[in-house]
Amino acid sequence: MSYVFLMKLGVAMFLGLLIGVDRQLKHKPLGVKTSMVISVASCLITIVSIESVNRFSLPGHTNMDPLRLAAQIVSGVGFLGAGVILRRSNDVISGLTTASMVWAASGLGIAVGAGFYFEALTATILIILAINLFPLILRWLGPRSLRQRDLSIKIVVQGEGNLDDVFKQIKHLNMQVKRVKVKDVESDQQKLEMMITASEDTYTTEIYSLLKEVDHVVSVEVESR
């Protein structure tokens, strides 16, 4: 029994390692240590839940659910997932993929703890492929919109400047304007806030430099979303 117990924890740690390496290579909040701890702890709780039935239930009167503790892991890990979901200043929600990986790491630990080794390993491979390979295939074979990204642009223009020149420059770069907001900053300045769609091949620095060259433009801020 002790060897099976150690093997389960070892496999859970290894699968958590694979998940953590994938996230850490992308510099995401969920790293190697966190994912391994989640997987091992989930595996341990699952083992304890299953073995408690054999140890504490009465012969012929088993009324204990062997996966009751494991069921609570999913809801408990939700708090960890919520902690990595961030709302940035430009109203962009980030961290959803990392939160789902937190939940997945706990699921892998539960599967290994219950003795489903092959299923857990298969799920790990599919999860890593879903995060890394499939999005590349979709961008390559899918519609053009999948190869575009949104940019938030803020431009301050002197009062005598022509805002149409800014839009002409954006059109010159083959970018599409999705949302526009214009407001007065000072008596002689206007602030233009836009959400545009640009190709992934277009560098953010290139957009910044070209907009900065427009006459009477005081400042330019470009943020990738």
C-alpha atoms as a PDB file:
ATOM      1  CA  MET A   1       0.000   0.000   0.000  1.00  0.00           C
ATOM      2  CA  SER A   2       2.801   2.449   0.860  1.00  0.00           C
ATOM      3  CA  TYR A   3       4.441   1.960  -2.552  1.00  0.00           C
ATOM      4  CA  VAL A   4       1.170   2.630  -4.375  1.00  0.00           C
ATOM      5  CA  PHE A   5       0.701   5.715  -2.240  1.00  0.00           C
ATOM      6  CA  LEU A   6       4.156   7.041  -3.152  1.00  0.00           C
ATOM      7  CA  MET A   7       3.671   6.217  -6.830  1.00  0.00           C
ATOM      8  CA  LYS A   8       0.410   8.158  -6.954  1.00  0.00           C
ATOM      9  CA  LEU A   9       1.956  11.229  -5.341  1.00  0.00           C
ATOM     10  CA  GLY A  10       4.974  10.981  -7.649  1.00  0.00           C
ATOM     11  CA  VAL A  11       2.842  10.773 -10.790  1.00  0.00           C
ATOM     12  CA  ALA A  12       0.690  13.677  -9.584  1.00  0.00           C
ATOM     13  CA  MET A  13       3.815  15.756  -8.953  1.00  0.00           C
ATOM     14  CA  PHE A  14       5.170  14.954 -12.432  1.00  0.00           C
ATOM     15  CA  LEU A  15       1.943  15.954 -14.167  1.00  0.00           C
ATOM     16  CA  GLY A  16       1.801  19.137 -12.108  1.00  0.00           C
ATOM     17  CA  LEU A  17       5.386  19.796 -13.180  1.00  0.00           C
ATOM     18  CA  LEU A  18       4.382  19.594 -16.858  1.00  0.00           C
ATOM     19  CA  ILE A  19       1.546  22.071 -16.319  1.00  0.00           C
ATOM     20  CA  GLY A  20       3.777  24.429 -14.338  1.00  0.00           C
ATOM     21  CA  VAL A  21       6.604  24.390 -16.881  1.00  0.00           C
ATOM     22  CA  ASP A  22       4.170  25.339 -19.646  1.00  0.00           C
ATOM     23  CA  ARG A  23       2.881  28.307 -17.627  1.00  0.00           C
ATOM     24  CA  GLN A  24       6.305  29.410 -16.425  1.00  0.00           C
ATOM     25  CA  LEU A  25       7.736  29.419 -19.952  1.00  0.00           C
ATOM     26  CA  LYS A  26       5.032  31.980 -20.764  1.00  0.00           C
ATOM     27  CA  HIS A  27       5.788  33.979 -17.594  1.00  0.00           C
ATOM     28  CA  LYS A  28       2.310  33.404 -16.198  1.00  0.00           C
ATOM     29  CA  PRO A  29       1.365  33.602 -12.485  1.00  0.00           C
ATOM     30  CA  LEU A  30       0.951  29.818 -12.183  1.00  0.00           C
ATOM     31  CA  GLY A  31       4.475  28.416 -11.892  1.00  0.00           C
ATOM     32  CA  VAL A  32       6.073  25.039 -11.333  1.00  0.00           C
ATOM     33  CA  LYS A  33       5.860  25.118  -7.536  1.00  0.00           C
ATOM     34  CA  THR A  34       2.217  26.161  -7.419  1.00  0.00           C
ATOM     35  CA  SER A  35       1.001  23.585  -9.927  1.00  0.00           C
ATOM     36  CA  MET A  36       2.924  20.757  -8.275  1.00  0.00           C
ATOM     37  CA  VAL A  37       1.573  21.651  -4.839  1.00  0.00           C
ATOM     38  CA  ILE A  38      -1.997  21.733  -6.191  1.00  0.00           C
ATOM     39  CA  SER A  39      -1.636  18.366  -7.941  1.00  0.00           C
ATOM     40  CA  VAL A  40       0.041  16.597  -5.021  1.00  0.00           C
ATOM     41  CA  ALA A  41      -2.367  18.014  -2.436  1.00  0.00           C
ATOM     42  CA  SER A  42      -5.381  17.082  -4.551  1.00  0.00           C
ATOM     43  CA  CYS A  43      -3.977  13.572  -4.984  1.00  0.00           C
ATOM     44  CA  LEU A  44      -3.389  13.235  -1.252  1.00  0.00           C
ATOM     45  CA  ILE A  45      -6.907  14.354  -0.351  1.00  0.00           C
ATOM     46  CA  THR A  46      -8.368  11.932  -2.892  1.00  0.00           C
ATOM     47  CA  ILE A  47      -6.327   9.035  -1.497  1.00  0.00           C
ATOM     48  CA  VAL A  48      -7.364   9.883   2.056  1.00  0.00           C
ATOM     49  CA  SER A  49     -11.008  10.118   0.998  1.00  0.00           C
ATOM     50  CA  ILE A  50     -10.958   6.701  -0.703  1.00  0.00           C
ATOM     51  CA  GLU A  51      -8.944   4.918   1.973  1.00  0.00           C
ATOM     52  CA  SER A  52     -11.088   6.347   4.778  1.00  0.00           C
ATOM     53  CA  VAL A  53     -14.004   4.295   3.499  1.00  0.00           C
ATOM     54  CA  ASN A  54     -12.034   1.073   3.856  1.00  0.00           C
ATOM     55  CA  ARG A  55     -10.613   2.014   7.222  1.00  0.00           C
ATOM     56  CA  PHE A  56     -13.559   3.544   9.066  1.00  0.00           C
ATOM     57  CA  SER A  57     -16.711   2.086   7.521  1.00  0.00           C
ATOM     58  CA  LEU A  58     -18.424  -0.824   9.230  1.00  0.00           C
ATOM     59  CA  PRO A  59     -18.685  -4.166   7.385  1.00  0.00           C
ATOM     60  CA  GLY A  60     -22.039  -4.436   5.645  1.00  0.00           C
ATOM     61  CA  HIS A  61     -22.995  -0.873   6.596  1.00  0.00           C
ATOM     62  CA  THR A  62     -20.885   1.258   4.262  1.00  0.00           C
ATOM     63  CA  ASN A  63     -22.598   4.614   3.971  1.00  0.00           C
ATOM     64  CA  MET A  64     -19.538   6.742   3.234  1.00  0.00           C
ATOM     65  CA  ASP A  65     -18.901   8.425  -0.131  1.00  0.00           C
ATOM     66  CA  PRO A  66     -15.299   7.592  -1.152  1.00  0.00           C
ATOM     67  CA  LEU A  67     -14.955  10.793  -3.191  1.00  0.00           C
ATOM     68  CA  ARG A  68     -16.697  13.227  -0.876  1.00  0.00           C
ATOM     69  CA  LEU A  69     -13.473  15.011   0.053  1.00  0.00           C
ATOM     70  CA  ALA A  70     -12.326  15.027  -3.577  1.00  0.00           C
ATOM     71  CA  ALA A  71     -15.547  16.765  -4.590  1.00  0.00           C
ATOM     72  CA  GLN A  72     -14.690  19.649  -2.265  1.00  0.00           C
ATOM     73  CA  ILE A  73     -11.311  20.152  -3.957  1.00  0.00           C
ATOM     74  CA  VAL A  74     -12.916  21.517  -7.120  1.00  0.00           C
ATOM     75  CA  SER A  75     -14.803  24.244  -5.274  1.00  0.00           C
ATOM     76  CA  GLY A  76     -11.865  25.004  -2.973  1.00  0.00           C
ATOM     77  CA  VAL A  77      -9.418  25.441  -5.834  1.00  0.00           C
ATOM     78  CA  GLY A  78     -11.837  27.989  -7.303  1.00  0.00           C
ATOM     79  CA  PHE A  79     -10.486  30.524  -4.817  1.00  0.00           C
ATOM     80  CA  LEU A  80      -6.974  30.054  -6.193  1.00  0.00           C
ATOM     81  CA  GLY A  81      -8.257  30.432  -9.741  1.00  0.00           C
ATOM     82  CA  ALA A  82     -10.054  33.665  -8.873  1.00  0.00           C
ATOM     83  CA  GLY A  83      -6.808  35.039  -7.468  1.00  0.00           C
ATOM     84  CA  VAL A  84      -5.020  34.923 -10.836  1.00  0.00           C
ATOM     85  CA  ILE A  85      -7.836  36.569 -12.807  1.00  0.00           C
ATOM     86  CA  LEU A  86      -6.985  40.238 -13.170  1.00  0.00           C
ATOM     87  CA  ARG A  87      -8.814  43.264 -14.531  1.00  0.00           C
ATOM     88  CA  ARG A  88      -6.407  45.754 -15.964  1.00  0.00           C
ATOM     89  CA  SER A  89      -6.894  49.493 -16.274  1.00  0.00           C
ATOM     90  CA  ASN A  90      -8.113  49.186 -19.865  1.00  0.00           C
ATOM     91  CA  ASP A  91     -10.973  46.860 -18.816  1.00  0.00           C
ATOM     92  CA  VAL A  92      -9.201  43.800 -20.226  1.00  0.00           C
ATOM     93  CA  ILE A  93      -9.685  40.577 -18.286  1.00  0.00           C
ATOM     94  CA  SER A  94      -6.530  38.470 -18.113  1.00  0.00           C
ATOM     95  CA  GLY A  95      -5.560  35.272 -16.347  1.00  0.00           C
ATOM     96  CA  LEU A  96      -8.522  33.139 -17.401  1.00  0.00           C
ATOM     97  CA  THR A  97      -6.304  30.520 -19.012  1.00  0.00           C
ATOM     98  CA  THR A  98      -4.054  30.355 -15.965  1.00  0.00           C
ATOM     99  CA  ALA A  99      -7.117  30.027 -13.711  1.00  0.00           C
ATOM    100  CA  SER A 100      -8.325  27.118 -15.808  1.00  0.00           C
ATOM    101  CA  MET A 101      -4.886  25.500 -15.499  1.00  0.00           C
ATOM    102  CA  VAL A 102      -5.134  25.775 -11.708  1.00  0.00           C
ATOM    103  CA  TRP A 103      -8.440  23.938 -11.861  1.00  0.00           C
ATOM    104  CA  ALA A 104      -6.983  21.388 -14.308  1.00  0.00           C
ATOM    105  CA  ALA A 105      -4.002  20.690 -12.033  1.00  0.00           C
ATOM    106  CA  SER A 106      -6.383  19.810  -9.207  1.00  0.00           C
ATOM    107  CA  GLY A 107      -8.357  17.568 -11.563  1.00  0.00           C
ATOM    108  CA  LEU A 108      -5.186  15.708 -12.543  1.00  0.00           C
ATOM    109  CA  GLY A 109      -4.351  15.180  -8.893  1.00  0.00           C
ATOM    110  CA  ILE A 110      -7.822  13.797  -8.214  1.00  0.00           C
ATOM    111  CA  ALA A 111      -7.579  11.434 -11.195  1.00  0.00           C
ATOM    112  CA  VAL A 112      -4.184  10.096 -10.117  1.00  0.00           C
ATOM    113  CA  GLY A 113      -5.324   9.766  -6.508  1.00  0.00           C
ATOM    114  CA  ALA A 114      -8.260   7.659  -7.668  1.00  0.00           C
ATOM    115  CA  GLY A 115      -5.917   5.437  -9.683  1.00  0.00           C
ATOM    116  CA  PHE A 116      -6.687   6.681 -13.221  1.00  0.00           C
ATOM    117  CA  TYR A 117      -3.076   7.074 -14.356  1.00  0.00           C
ATOM    118  CA  PHE A 118      -3.520   6.682 -18.103  1.00  0.00           C
ATOM    119  CA  GLU A 119      -6.514   9.026 -18.143  1.00  0.00           C
ATOM    120  CA  ALA A 120      -4.596  11.671 -16.185  1.00  0.00           C
ATOM    121  CA  LEU A 121      -1.557  11.448 -18.475  1.00  0.00           C
ATOM    122  CA  THR A 122      -3.749  11.652 -21.575  1.00  0.00           C
ATOM    123  CA  ALA A 123      -5.569  14.672 -20.173  1.00  0.00           C
ATOM    124  CA  THR A 124      -2.239  16.393 -19.426  1.00  0.00           C
ATOM    125  CA  ILE A 125      -1.052  15.910 -23.004  1.00  0.00           C
ATOM    126  CA  LEU A 126      -4.354  17.180 -24.418  1.00  0.00           C
ATOM    127  CA  ILE A 127      -4.320  20.223 -22.120  1.00  0.00           C
ATOM    128  CA  ILE A 128      -0.807  21.197 -23.184  1.00  0.00           C
ATOM    129  CA  LEU A 129      -1.713  20.710 -26.852  1.00  0.00           C
ATOM    130  CA  ALA A 130      -4.865  22.786 -26.381  1.00  0.00           C
ATOM    131  CA  ILE A 131      -2.850  25.638 -24.893  1.00  0.00           C
ATOM    132  CA  ASN A 132       0.080  25.623 -27.323  1.00  0.00           C
ATOM    133  CA  LEU A 133      -0.583  23.782 -30.597  1.00  0.00           C
ATOM    134  CA  PHE A 134      -4.264  24.184 -31.429  1.00  0.00           C
ATOM    135  CA  PRO A 135      -4.299  28.028 -31.269  1.00  0.00           C
ATOM    136  CA  LEU A 136      -1.427  28.104 -33.786  1.00  0.00           C
ATOM    137  CA  ILE A 137      -3.315  25.786 -36.142  1.00  0.00           C
ATOM    138  CA  LEU A 138      -6.453  27.923 -35.876  1.00  0.00           C
ATOM    139  CA  ARG A 139      -4.505  31.093 -36.622  1.00  0.00           C
ATOM    140  CA  TRP A 140      -2.920  29.447 -39.644  1.00  0.00           C
ATOM    141  CA  LEU A 141      -6.029  27.817 -41.107  1.00  0.00           C
ATOM    142  CA  GLY A 142      -8.778  29.955 -39.574  1.00  0.00           C
ATOM    143  CA  PRO A 143     -10.257  33.304 -40.661  1.00  0.00           C
ATOM    144  CA  ARG A 144      -8.178  36.466 -40.856  1.00  0.00           C
ATOM    145  CA  SER A 145      -9.699  37.863 -37.660  1.00  0.00           C
ATOM    146  CA  LEU A 146      -7.829  35.216 -35.644  1.00  0.00           C
ATOM    147  CA  ARG A 147      -4.544  36.736 -36.817  1.00  0.00           C
ATOM    148  CA  GLN A 148      -5.425  40.196 -35.564  1.00  0.00           C
ATOM    149  CA  ARG A 149      -5.097  41.870 -32.191  1.00  0.00           C
ATOM    150  CA  ASP A 150      -6.703  44.814 -30.455  1.00  0.00           C
ATOM    151  CA  LEU A 151      -4.738  47.931 -29.590  1.00  0.00           C
ATOM    152  CA  SER A 152      -5.721  50.740 -27.257  1.00  0.00           C
ATOM    153  CA  ILE A 153      -4.474  54.112 -28.510  1.00  0.00           C
ATOM    154  CA  LYS A 154      -4.533  57.459 -26.706  1.00  0.00           C
ATOM    155  CA  ILE A 155      -3.465  60.573 -28.590  1.00  0.00           C
ATOM    156  CA  VAL A 156      -3.290  64.180 -27.416  1.00  0.00           C
ATOM    157  CA  VAL A 157      -3.585  66.736 -30.242  1.00  0.00           C
ATOM    158  CA  GLN A 158      -3.095  70.488 -30.170  1.00  0.00           C
ATOM    159  CA  GLY A 159      -6.254  72.520 -30.744  1.00  0.00           C
ATOM    160  CA  GLU A 160      -5.255  73.574 -34.253  1.00  0.00           C
ATOM    161  CA  GLY A 161      -4.515  69.994 -35.254  1.00  0.00           C
ATOM    162  CA  ASN A 162      -6.786  68.045 -37.591  1.00  0.00           C
ATOM    163  CA  LEU A 163      -8.087  64.791 -36.139  1.00  0.00           C
ATOM    164  CA  ASP A 164      -8.776  63.515 -39.648  1.00  0.00           C
ATOM    165  CA  ASP A 165      -5.019  63.275 -40.229  1.00  0.00           C
ATOM    166  CA  VAL A 166      -4.816  60.742 -37.415  1.00  0.00           C
ATOM    167  CA  PHE A 167      -7.503  58.563 -38.981  1.00  0.00           C
ATOM    168  CA  LYS A 168      -5.811  58.835 -42.380  1.00  0.00           C
ATOM    169  CA  GLN A 169      -2.601  57.524 -40.857  1.00  0.00           C
ATOM    170  CA  ILE A 170      -4.488  54.632 -39.257  1.00  0.00           C
ATOM    171  CA  LYS A 171      -6.113  53.814 -42.598  1.00  0.00           C
ATOM    172  CA  HIS A 172      -2.679  53.924 -44.209  1.00  0.00           C
ATOM    173  CA  LEU A 173      -1.589  51.152 -41.827  1.00  0.00           C
ATOM    174  CA  ASN A 174      -4.600  49.005 -42.855  1.00  0.00           C
ATOM    175  CA  MET A 175      -6.044  49.102 -39.351  1.00  0.00           C
ATOM    176  CA  GLN A 176      -9.731  49.139 -38.448  1.00  0.00           C
ATOM    177  CA  VAL A 177     -11.172  51.505 -35.853  1.00  0.00           C
ATOM    178  CA  LYS A 178     -13.627  49.775 -33.506  1.00  0.00           C
ATOM    179  CA  ARG A 179     -14.341  52.492 -30.952  1.00  0.00           C
ATOM    180  CA  VAL A 180     -13.581  56.216 -30.706  1.00  0.00           C
ATOM    181  CA  LYS A 181     -13.808  58.685 -27.853  1.00  0.00           C
ATOM    182  CA  VAL A 182     -12.865  62.369 -28.132  1.00  0.00           C
ATOM    183  CA  LYS A 183     -12.683  64.806 -25.236  1.00  0.00           C
ATOM    184  CA  ASP A 184     -11.130  68.157 -24.390  1.00  0.00           C
ATOM    185  CA  VAL A 185      -8.107  67.950 -22.110  1.00  0.00           C
ATOM    186  CA  GLU A 186      -7.298  71.659 -21.939  1.00  0.00           C
ATOM    187  CA  SER A 187      -8.571  74.708 -23.753  1.00  0.00           C
ATOM    188  CA  ASP A 188      -6.205  74.094 -26.682  1.00  0.00           C
ATOM    189  CA  GLN A 189      -5.845  70.301 -26.586  1.00  0.00           C
ATOM    190  CA  GLN A 190      -8.002  67.301 -27.423  1.00  0.00           C
ATOM    191  CA  LYS A 191      -7.581  63.708 -26.341  1.00  0.00           C
ATOM    192  CA  LEU A 192      -8.485  60.944 -28.766  1.00  0.00           C
ATOM    193  CA  GLU A 193      -9.022  57.436 -27.346  1.00  0.00           C
ATOM    194  CA  MET A 194      -9.480  54.590 -29.814  1.00  0.00           C
ATOM    195  CA  MET A 195      -9.730  50.849 -29.948  1.00  0.00           C
ATOM    196  CA  ILE A 196      -8.314  49.542 -33.220  1.00  0.00           C
ATOM    197  CA  THR A 197      -7.735  46.146 -34.795  1.00  0.00           C
ATOM    198  CA  ALA A 198      -4.327  45.517 -36.345  1.00  0.00           C
ATOM    199  CA  SER A 199      -2.513  42.582 -37.870  1.00  0.00           C
ATOM    200  CA  GLU A 200      -0.199  40.598 -35.610  1.00  0.00           C
ATOM    201  CA  ASP A 201       2.603  41.370 -38.073  1.00  0.00           C
ATOM    202  CA  THR A 202       2.333  45.102 -37.377  1.00  0.00           C
ATOM    203  CA  TYR A 203       4.753  46.195 -34.676  1.00  0.00           C
ATOM    204  CA  THR A 204       3.450  48.352 -31.841  1.00  0.00           C
ATOM    205  CA  THR A 205       6.522  50.584 -32.124  1.00  0.00           C
ATOM    206  CA  GLU A 206       5.787  51.146 -35.815  1.00  0.00           C
ATOM    207  CA  ILE A 207       2.262  52.316 -35.027  1.00  0.00           C
ATOM    208  CA  TYR A 208       3.589  54.611 -32.314  1.00  0.00           C
ATOM    209  CA  SER A 209       6.228  56.185 -34.586  1.00  0.00           C
ATOM    210  CA  LEU A 210       3.827  56.840 -37.479  1.00  0.00           C
ATOM    211  CA  LEU A 211       1.174  58.406 -35.262  1.00  0.00           C
ATOM    212  CA  LYS A 212       3.802  60.529 -33.557  1.00  0.00           C
ATOM    213  CA  GLU A 213       4.733  62.009 -36.948  1.00  0.00           C
ATOM    214  CA  VAL A 214       1.253  63.456 -37.496  1.00  0.00           C
ATOM    215  CA  ASP A 215       1.239  67.254 -37.256  1.00  0.00           C
ATOM    216  CA  HIS A 216       0.229  68.807 -33.912  1.00  0.00           C
ATOM    217  CA  VAL A 217       0.271  65.481 -32.080  1.00  0.00           C
ATOM    218  CA  VAL A 218       1.593  66.136 -28.563  1.00  0.00           C
ATOM    219  CA  SER A 219       1.706  62.600 -27.134  1.00  0.00           C
ATOM    220  CA  VAL A 220       0.887  59.045 -28.199  1.00  0.00           C
ATOM    221  CA  GLU A 221       0.203  55.991 -26.045  1.00  0.00           C
ATOM    222  CA  VAL A 222      -0.226  52.551 -27.628  1.00  0.00           C
ATOM    223  CA  GLU A 223      -1.102  49.495 -25.547  1.00  0.00           C
ATOM    224  CA  SER A 224      -1.540  45.966 -26.794  1.00  0.00           C
ATOM    225  CA  ARG A 225      -4.578  44.172 -25.341  1.00  0.00           C
END
